Amino acid sequence: DSSTGTPNDSVASSTSPPAAAAVAVAERVHSTTQILKPERRFIAVSSEEGASQREIIFQYPEGKGCSGVLYLFHGCGRRAASFFYSPQGRDMMMMALNAGLAVVTFTKDNEVGCWSPGRDMPAILHVSKTFIEENLIKCFRGDDSSITSSNVVDFPFYGFGASSGGSFVAQVATETTTTSGTTASDHPSLAFQFSAINVQIMTTRSTEELTTPTIFTIMSRDPATEAGVAEASKELQSREVPTQTIRTDTKAVSPNYWMHRFSHDERMTRDIAFSICSDLKDLGVIADANGGPLVRNPRSIELAPVLDKYSHSPPLGVGIELWNILNEDEKKDAQALWLEEELNVAFDQHEITAERFDEVIGFFLGSTGTHGEIRDEAVLSNRI
């Protein structure tokens, strides 16, 4: 078995990236393993409630500058930093960095709550503008002094959101393409426009004003979201907005599954992998200690006995450099997510997933932006 399920046929428009270039994207994003060592920065924001701060957590790809930017928005109950320490988040970050993209995450008004358009939208647009002008320009510029804060927005910006973050990223995409005005100084939302977005395990509340190429990711045990995405995709296609849907599937959990998922961590021995499966059988998560599909929703099971038994600092899969920059709440979260997130992904109902994220990046790199066109194969190949 592996970390990904058997791919189902994607529901796609005729605007999918060219096949040969898509293969090149897949080879590139899986080519190397970069060390996750993000930077953190607080930016002041003002609102009717008073002054506050938002944190941006980001990392640039190794090598000569950035070819684009990926903004990521997590769901309810998840933290911005968890994109770097959760198993699925780490895989997504690795693929994006290997593709030459800077990865940028934002904290919410209520970090363990859901995204609030009223409270979070103005703050995110403001801190994004500041971050682009003071930090991100350095990644794009490299040795090219001709790149300034006024033309850095010509580089592609992409957006990802899971669950609540999926709904939010679609709203940000709409906001940044419909705000009237002429300058980014007057209208912070004009500081960037998404070239494409990935809405994961969520549908969009309204697609009537959305003109950004959109790829959806849905899970097999979530028929309500699947129906909503089908309706949203149909509406986007009627306006010739490029769209595609990826559907994931359930996965068997076995000792080989854990060995594969944590292959880079020497602490995940075969004995430990077998022991985890035995404990999951005792809890009623799987029926056979040798492996198999989940027979119960892991969200309904108290996993503390397994988490306590295999507690490490840092937890399985997390490097010491990353561990050292996490705060105490994030460390506590990381101690649980290595198991909880993987089981939720295997159950395939509602969880952030890196499954087929290489296809998402291929869709990103093949999109020109807000005009509903797809780059030809030569252009896409040059981008990777």
Protein backbone atom coordinates (compact mmCIF):
# COMPACT_ATOMS: atom_id res chain seq x y z
CA ASP A 1 0.00 0.00 0.00
CA SER A 2 1.01 3.65 -0.15
CA SER A 3 0.10 7.06 1.13
CA THR A 4 -2.28 7.63 -1.72
CA GLY A 5 -5.41 5.81 -2.72
CA THR A 6 -6.29 4.41 -6.09
CA PRO A 7 -6.96 7.45 -8.27
CA ASN A 8 -10.50 7.83 -9.47
CA ASP A 9 -11.23 9.50 -12.76
CA SER A 10 -11.05 13.24 -12.31
CA VAL A 11 -13.99 15.31 -13.43
CA ALA A 12 -12.23 17.88 -15.57
CA SER A 13 -12.96 20.50 -18.15
CA SER A 14 -11.03 20.66 -21.41
CA THR A 15 -8.70 23.13 -19.73
CA SER A 16 -6.41 20.66 -17.96
CA PRO A 17 -2.65 21.35 -18.31
CA PRO A 18 -0.91 19.64 -21.25
CA ALA A 19 -0.14 15.98 -20.53
CA ALA A 20 3.62 15.99 -21.12
CA ALA A 21 4.12 19.12 -19.04
CA ALA A 22 1.93 17.66 -16.27
CA VAL A 23 4.27 14.65 -16.12
CA ALA A 24 7.22 17.02 -15.85
CA VAL A 25 5.50 18.79 -12.96
CA ALA A 26 5.00 15.48 -11.12
CA GLU A 27 8.66 14.55 -11.59
CA ARG A 28 9.83 17.94 -10.37
CA VAL A 29 7.69 18.19 -7.23
CA HIS A 30 8.77 14.74 -6.03
CA SER A 31 12.42 15.19 -6.97
CA THR A 32 14.01 16.38 -3.72
CA THR A 33 13.34 16.69 -0.02
CA GLN A 34 13.85 20.20 1.31
CA ILE A 35 14.25 20.86 5.01
CA LEU A 36 11.22 22.64 6.40
CA LYS A 37 12.54 25.64 8.33
CA PRO A 38 10.01 28.45 7.94
CA GLU A 39 10.41 32.02 9.07
CA ARG A 40 7.84 33.85 11.19
CA ARG A 41 6.82 37.49 11.14
CA PHE A 42 4.17 39.52 12.96
CA ILE A 43 2.52 42.41 11.11
CA ALA A 44 0.38 45.04 12.86
CA VAL A 45 -3.19 45.55 11.69
CA SER A 46 -5.87 48.01 12.73
CA SER A 47 -9.61 47.46 12.90
CA GLU A 48 -12.71 48.85 14.57
CA GLU A 49 -11.84 46.69 17.59
CA GLY A 50 -8.40 48.30 17.82
CA ALA A 51 -4.82 47.42 16.95
CA SER A 52 -3.67 43.80 16.76
CA GLN A 53 -1.12 41.58 15.06
CA ARG A 54 -1.29 38.79 12.51
CA GLU A 55 1.47 36.28 12.00
CA ILE A 56 2.78 35.14 8.64
CA ILE A 57 4.74 31.87 8.53
CA PHE A 58 6.64 31.38 5.29
CA GLN A 59 9.47 29.62 3.50
CA TYR A 60 11.24 30.27 0.21
CA PRO A 61 12.40 27.47 -2.11
CA GLU A 62 16.07 26.60 -2.11
CA GLY A 63 18.00 27.93 -5.07
CA LYS A 64 17.68 31.10 -7.10
CA GLY A 65 14.54 32.88 -6.03
CA CYS A 66 10.83 32.13 -6.44
CA SER A 67 8.84 31.38 -9.57
CA GLY A 68 5.55 32.03 -7.78
CA VAL A 69 3.77 32.14 -4.42
CA LEU A 70 1.33 29.77 -2.77
CA TYR A 71 -0.90 31.22 -0.05
CA LEU A 72 -2.43 28.56 2.22
CA PHE A 73 -5.45 28.82 4.51
CA HIS A 74 -6.24 26.03 6.97
CA GLY A 75 -9.62 24.90 8.27
CA CYS A 76 -11.42 25.27 11.58
CA GLY A 77 -9.39 24.15 14.57
CA ARG A 78 -6.11 24.02 12.67
CA ARG A 79 -3.18 26.39 13.03
CA ALA A 80 -1.22 28.19 10.32
CA ALA A 81 2.01 26.50 11.42
CA SER A 82 0.50 23.03 11.09
CA PHE A 83 1.03 23.18 7.33
CA PHE A 84 4.69 22.64 8.25
CA TYR A 85 4.35 19.99 10.97
CA SER A 86 1.36 17.82 10.02
CA PRO A 87 2.11 14.81 7.75
CA GLN A 88 -0.13 15.90 4.87
CA GLY A 89 0.85 19.56 5.24
CA ARG A 90 4.54 18.69 5.09
CA ASP A 91 4.07 16.75 1.86
CA MET A 92 2.20 19.67 0.31
CA MET A 93 4.89 22.14 1.36
CA MET A 94 7.65 19.92 -0.04
CA MET A 95 5.91 19.66 -3.41
CA ALA A 96 5.27 23.39 -3.61
CA LEU A 97 8.85 24.28 -2.65
CA ASN A 98 10.22 21.77 -5.17
CA ALA A 99 8.10 23.50 -7.81
CA GLY A 100 9.85 26.78 -7.00
CA LEU A 101 6.97 28.32 -5.08
CA ALA A 102 7.28 30.35 -1.90
CA VAL A 103 4.78 29.02 0.67
CA VAL A 104 2.97 31.50 2.92
CA THR A 105 0.45 30.81 5.70
CA PHE A 106 -1.59 33.22 7.80
CA THR A 107 -3.06 33.10 11.29
CA LYS A 108 -6.79 33.67 11.78
CA ASP A 109 -8.48 36.19 14.06
CA ASN A 110 -9.33 33.14 16.19
CA GLU A 111 -6.48 30.76 15.40
CA VAL A 112 -8.32 27.63 16.55
CA GLY A 113 -11.65 28.81 15.12
CA CYS A 114 -12.85 29.21 11.54
CA TRP A 115 -12.10 31.92 8.99
CA SER A 116 -14.31 35.00 9.33
CA PRO A 117 -14.63 37.09 6.15
CA GLY A 118 -15.59 40.17 8.15
CA ARG A 119 -12.68 40.01 10.58
CA ASP A 120 -10.07 38.15 8.56
CA MET A 121 -10.44 39.45 5.00
CA PRO A 122 -9.31 43.06 5.62
CA ALA A 123 -6.46 41.89 7.84
CA ILE A 124 -5.19 39.30 5.34
CA LEU A 125 -5.25 41.77 2.45
CA HIS A 126 -3.38 44.32 4.55
CA VAL A 127 -0.67 42.00 5.86
CA SER A 128 -0.27 40.46 2.41
CA LYS A 129 0.44 43.86 0.88
CA THR A 130 3.00 44.63 3.59
CA PHE A 131 4.61 41.21 3.28
CA ILE A 132 4.90 41.48 -0.51
CA GLU A 133 6.54 44.90 -0.31
CA GLU A 134 8.93 44.16 2.57
CA ASN A 135 9.71 40.43 2.41
CA LEU A 136 8.49 38.59 -0.66
CA ILE A 137 10.09 40.97 -3.15
CA LYS A 138 13.50 39.72 -1.97
CA CYS A 139 12.69 36.19 -3.08
CA PHE A 140 11.57 37.30 -6.53
CA ARG A 141 14.29 39.85 -7.07
CA GLY A 142 17.43 37.83 -6.53
CA ASP A 143 20.07 39.76 -8.47
CA ASP A 144 17.50 41.52 -10.65
CA SER A 145 17.16 45.10 -9.37
CA SER A 146 14.50 45.86 -11.99
CA ILE A 147 11.90 44.01 -9.90
CA THR A 148 10.17 46.46 -7.57
CA SER A 149 7.14 46.50 -5.28
CA SER A 150 5.08 47.81 -8.18
CA ASN A 151 5.82 44.96 -10.61
CA VAL A 152 6.33 42.03 -8.22
CA VAL A 153 2.61 41.35 -8.55
CA ASP A 154 3.24 40.31 -12.16
CA PHE A 155 4.52 37.02 -10.72
CA PRO A 156 1.89 34.29 -10.22
CA PHE A 157 0.10 33.97 -6.89
CA TYR A 158 -1.85 30.80 -6.12
CA GLY A 159 -4.26 30.03 -3.29
CA PHE A 160 -5.08 26.86 -1.33
CA GLY A 161 -7.76 26.41 1.29
CA ALA A 162 -9.08 23.39 3.18
CA SER A 163 -12.60 23.25 4.62
CA SER A 164 -13.28 26.72 6.10
CA GLY A 165 -10.08 27.86 4.41
CA GLY A 166 -11.42 26.59 1.07
CA SER A 167 -14.47 28.79 1.32
CA PHE A 168 -12.27 31.68 2.43
CA VAL A 169 -9.73 31.37 -0.40
CA ALA A 170 -12.55 31.49 -2.95
CA GLN A 171 -13.82 34.67 -1.30
CA VAL A 172 -10.31 36.18 -1.36
CA ALA A 173 -10.05 35.28 -5.05
CA THR A 174 -13.35 37.01 -5.74
CA GLU A 175 -12.38 40.05 -3.67
CA THR A 176 -9.07 40.52 -5.45
CA THR A 177 -10.63 40.43 -8.91
CA THR A 178 -13.73 42.57 -8.31
CA THR A 179 -12.50 45.44 -6.11
CA SER A 180 -12.71 48.73 -7.98
CA GLY A 181 -9.78 51.11 -7.92
CA THR A 182 -6.55 51.80 -9.67
CA THR A 183 -3.69 51.43 -7.21
CA ALA A 184 -2.61 48.87 -4.64
CA SER A 185 -1.96 51.71 -2.19
CA ASP A 186 -5.62 52.71 -2.26
CA HIS A 187 -6.90 49.14 -2.51
CA PRO A 188 -4.75 46.51 -0.75
CA SER A 189 -6.65 43.74 -2.52
CA LEU A 190 -5.03 44.86 -5.75
CA ALA A 191 -1.62 43.97 -4.37
CA PHE A 192 -2.04 40.53 -5.94
CA GLN A 193 -4.51 38.40 -7.87
CA PHE A 194 -4.63 34.63 -7.72
CA SER A 195 -3.71 32.88 -10.95
CA ALA A 196 -5.52 29.75 -9.73
CA ILE A 197 -6.91 28.29 -6.50
CA ASN A 198 -7.44 24.85 -4.94
CA VAL A 199 -10.60 24.51 -2.86
CA GLN A 200 -10.27 21.35 -0.79
CA ILE A 201 -13.04 19.41 1.02
CA MET A 202 -15.41 22.35 0.59
CA THR A 203 -17.54 23.88 -2.09
CA THR A 204 -17.79 27.58 -2.80
CA ARG A 205 -20.78 29.42 -1.39
CA SER A 206 -21.22 31.39 -4.58
CA THR A 207 -19.40 31.13 -7.89
CA GLU A 208 -21.27 33.86 -9.72
CA GLU A 209 -18.41 36.37 -9.42
CA LEU A 210 -15.53 33.87 -9.30
CA THR A 211 -13.38 34.11 -12.43
CA THR A 212 -10.24 32.43 -11.10
CA PRO A 213 -9.31 28.97 -12.45
CA THR A 214 -10.34 26.57 -9.69
CA ILE A 215 -9.41 22.96 -8.93
CA PHE A 216 -11.49 21.19 -6.28
CA THR A 217 -10.44 18.26 -4.09
CA ILE A 218 -13.23 16.12 -2.65
CA MET A 219 -13.31 12.92 -0.56
CA SER A 220 -15.24 9.73 -1.29
CA ARG A 221 -17.16 9.66 2.02
CA ASP A 222 -18.47 13.22 1.67
CA PRO A 223 -21.38 13.10 -0.80
CA ALA A 224 -22.78 16.48 0.26
CA THR A 225 -19.57 18.32 -0.67
CA GLU A 226 -19.25 16.25 -3.84
CA ALA A 227 -22.73 17.36 -4.93
CA GLY A 228 -21.98 20.99 -4.12
CA VAL A 229 -18.71 20.89 -6.04
CA ALA A 230 -20.44 19.33 -9.06
CA GLU A 231 -22.91 22.21 -9.08
CA ALA A 232 -20.17 24.83 -8.65
CA SER A 233 -18.05 23.27 -11.40
CA LYS A 234 -21.00 23.23 -13.79
CA GLU A 235 -21.59 26.94 -13.14
CA LEU A 236 -17.89 27.78 -13.66
CA GLN A 237 -17.74 25.78 -16.88
CA SER A 238 -20.82 27.58 -18.17
CA ARG A 239 -18.76 30.78 -18.00
CA GLU A 240 -15.65 29.06 -19.43
CA VAL A 241 -13.71 29.42 -16.18
CA PRO A 242 -11.12 26.59 -16.10
CA THR A 243 -12.03 24.02 -13.45
CA GLN A 244 -11.14 20.49 -12.48
CA THR A 245 -12.12 18.11 -9.68
CA ILE A 246 -9.92 15.54 -7.93
CA ARG A 247 -11.63 12.80 -5.93
CA THR A 248 -9.63 10.88 -3.33
CA ASP A 249 -10.40 7.41 -1.97
CA THR A 250 -10.12 5.40 1.24
CA LYS A 251 -6.80 3.81 2.11
CA ALA A 252 -5.78 0.63 3.91
CA VAL A 253 -3.71 1.14 7.06
CA SER A 254 -0.98 -1.43 7.60
CA PRO A 255 2.59 -1.63 8.90
CA ASN A 256 3.78 -0.84 5.36
CA TYR A 257 1.56 2.24 5.33
CA TRP A 258 3.27 3.69 8.42
CA MET A 259 6.72 2.72 7.14
CA HIS A 260 6.01 4.54 3.90
CA ARG A 261 4.45 7.63 5.45
CA PHE A 262 7.36 8.11 7.86
CA SER A 263 10.14 6.67 5.73
CA HIS A 264 12.35 9.71 6.41
CA ASP A 265 12.15 9.18 10.20
CA GLU A 266 14.44 6.42 11.50
CA ARG A 267 12.30 6.13 14.63
CA MET A 268 9.54 4.49 12.57
CA THR A 269 10.88 0.94 12.60
CA ARG A 270 8.98 -2.08 11.33
CA ASP A 271 8.42 -3.20 14.92
CA ILE A 272 6.89 0.19 15.79
CA ALA A 273 4.71 0.10 12.67
CA PHE A 274 3.38 -3.37 13.57
CA SER A 275 2.83 -2.26 17.16
CA ILE A 276 0.79 0.79 16.06
CA CYS A 277 -1.45 -1.41 13.92
CA SER A 278 -1.92 -3.85 16.79
CA ASP A 279 -2.96 -0.99 19.07
CA LEU A 280 -5.35 0.39 16.43
CA LYS A 281 -6.96 -3.06 16.19
CA ASP A 282 -7.43 -3.10 19.96
CA LEU A 283 -9.17 0.29 19.72
CA GLY A 284 -11.46 -0.96 16.97
CA VAL A 285 -10.03 1.31 14.26
CA ILE A 286 -9.02 -1.59 12.01
CA ALA A 287 -10.14 -5.21 12.10
CA ASP A 288 -6.78 -6.87 11.41
CA ALA A 289 -3.42 -5.99 12.97
CA ASN A 290 -1.76 -6.90 9.67
CA GLY A 291 -3.66 -4.06 8.03
CA GLY A 292 -6.84 -3.19 6.22
CA PRO A 293 -9.45 -0.45 5.77
CA LEU A 294 -10.68 1.57 8.72
CA VAL A 295 -13.89 0.09 10.12
CA ARG A 296 -14.79 3.11 12.25
CA ASN A 297 -14.48 6.86 11.85
CA PRO A 298 -11.30 7.74 13.77
CA ARG A 299 -12.85 11.04 14.89
CA SER A 300 -15.26 8.99 17.03
CA ILE A 301 -12.48 7.09 18.82
CA GLU A 302 -10.33 8.20 21.75
CA LEU A 303 -6.79 7.85 20.40
CA ALA A 304 -4.99 9.03 23.57
CA PRO A 305 -3.69 5.53 24.49
CA VAL A 306 -1.85 5.25 21.17
CA LEU A 307 -0.67 8.87 21.21
CA ASP A 308 0.70 8.49 24.74
CA LYS A 309 2.47 5.24 23.91
CA TYR A 310 4.35 6.69 20.95
CA SER A 311 4.94 10.18 22.29
CA HIS A 312 8.20 11.77 21.13
CA SER A 313 9.70 15.25 21.21
CA PRO A 314 9.71 16.10 18.39
CA PRO A 315 6.87 13.81 17.27
CA LEU A 316 7.24 11.33 14.44
CA GLY A 317 7.97 13.05 11.14
CA VAL A 318 8.91 16.45 12.60
CA GLY A 319 12.51 17.67 12.34
CA ILE A 320 14.31 19.28 15.25
CA GLU A 321 14.87 22.58 13.40
CA LEU A 322 11.14 22.99 12.87
CA TRP A 323 10.31 21.77 16.38
CA ASN A 324 12.49 24.46 17.91
CA ILE A 325 10.52 27.33 16.35
CA LEU A 326 7.07 26.06 17.37
CA ASN A 327 5.24 27.51 20.37
CA GLU A 328 3.84 25.27 23.10
CA ASP A 329 0.33 25.09 21.63
CA GLU A 330 1.73 24.11 18.24
CA LYS A 331 3.95 21.45 19.81
CA LYS A 332 0.96 19.95 21.60
CA ASP A 333 -0.97 19.96 18.33
CA ALA A 334 1.90 18.29 16.46
CA GLN A 335 2.04 15.53 19.08
CA ALA A 336 -1.48 14.49 18.02
CA LEU A 337 -1.64 15.27 14.29
CA TRP A 338 0.95 12.70 13.20
CA LEU A 339 -1.64 10.01 13.97
CA GLU A 340 -5.02 11.78 13.84
CA GLU A 341 -4.50 13.38 10.43
CA GLU A 342 -3.21 10.18 8.82
CA LEU A 343 -6.18 8.16 10.08
CA ASN A 344 -8.64 10.83 8.93
CA VAL A 345 -7.07 10.80 5.46
CA ALA A 346 -7.29 7.00 5.34
CA PHE A 347 -10.99 7.17 6.30
CA ASP A 348 -11.44 9.75 3.51
CA GLN A 349 -14.28 11.90 4.73
CA HIS A 350 -13.04 15.34 5.80
CA GLU A 351 -9.35 16.11 6.17
CA ILE A 352 -6.60 18.07 4.48
CA THR A 353 -4.82 15.77 2.04
CA ALA A 354 -1.67 15.81 -0.06
CA GLU A 355 -3.07 13.08 -2.30
CA ARG A 356 -2.60 14.09 -5.95
CA PHE A 357 -1.38 17.52 -4.90
CA ASP A 358 1.17 17.24 -7.71
CA GLU A 359 -1.82 17.47 -10.05
CA VAL A 360 -2.98 20.58 -8.21
CA ILE A 361 0.42 22.19 -8.76
CA GLY A 362 0.26 21.21 -12.42
CA PHE A 363 -3.11 22.94 -12.69
CA PHE A 364 -1.64 26.00 -10.94
CA LEU A 365 1.37 26.25 -13.23
CA GLY A 366 -0.78 25.79 -16.30
CA SER A 367 -3.09 28.67 -15.45
CA THR A 368 -2.45 32.19 -16.70
CA GLY A 369 -4.66 33.91 -14.16
CA THR A 370 -8.05 35.51 -14.41
CA HIS A 371 -8.76 35.14 -18.11
CA GLY A 372 -9.73 31.49 -18.19
CA GLU A 373 -6.89 30.48 -20.48
CA ILE A 374 -4.33 27.70 -20.14
CA ARG A 375 -0.67 28.14 -20.99
CA ASP A 376 0.63 26.10 -23.89
CA GLU A 377 3.02 23.25 -23.20
CA ALA A 378 6.18 25.20 -24.01
CA VAL A 379 5.30 27.96 -21.58
CA LEU A 380 4.35 25.50 -18.84
CA SER A 381 7.58 23.56 -19.29
CA ASN A 382 9.58 26.78 -18.91
CA ARG A 383 7.81 27.48 -15.63
CA ILE A 384 9.10 24.29 -14.03
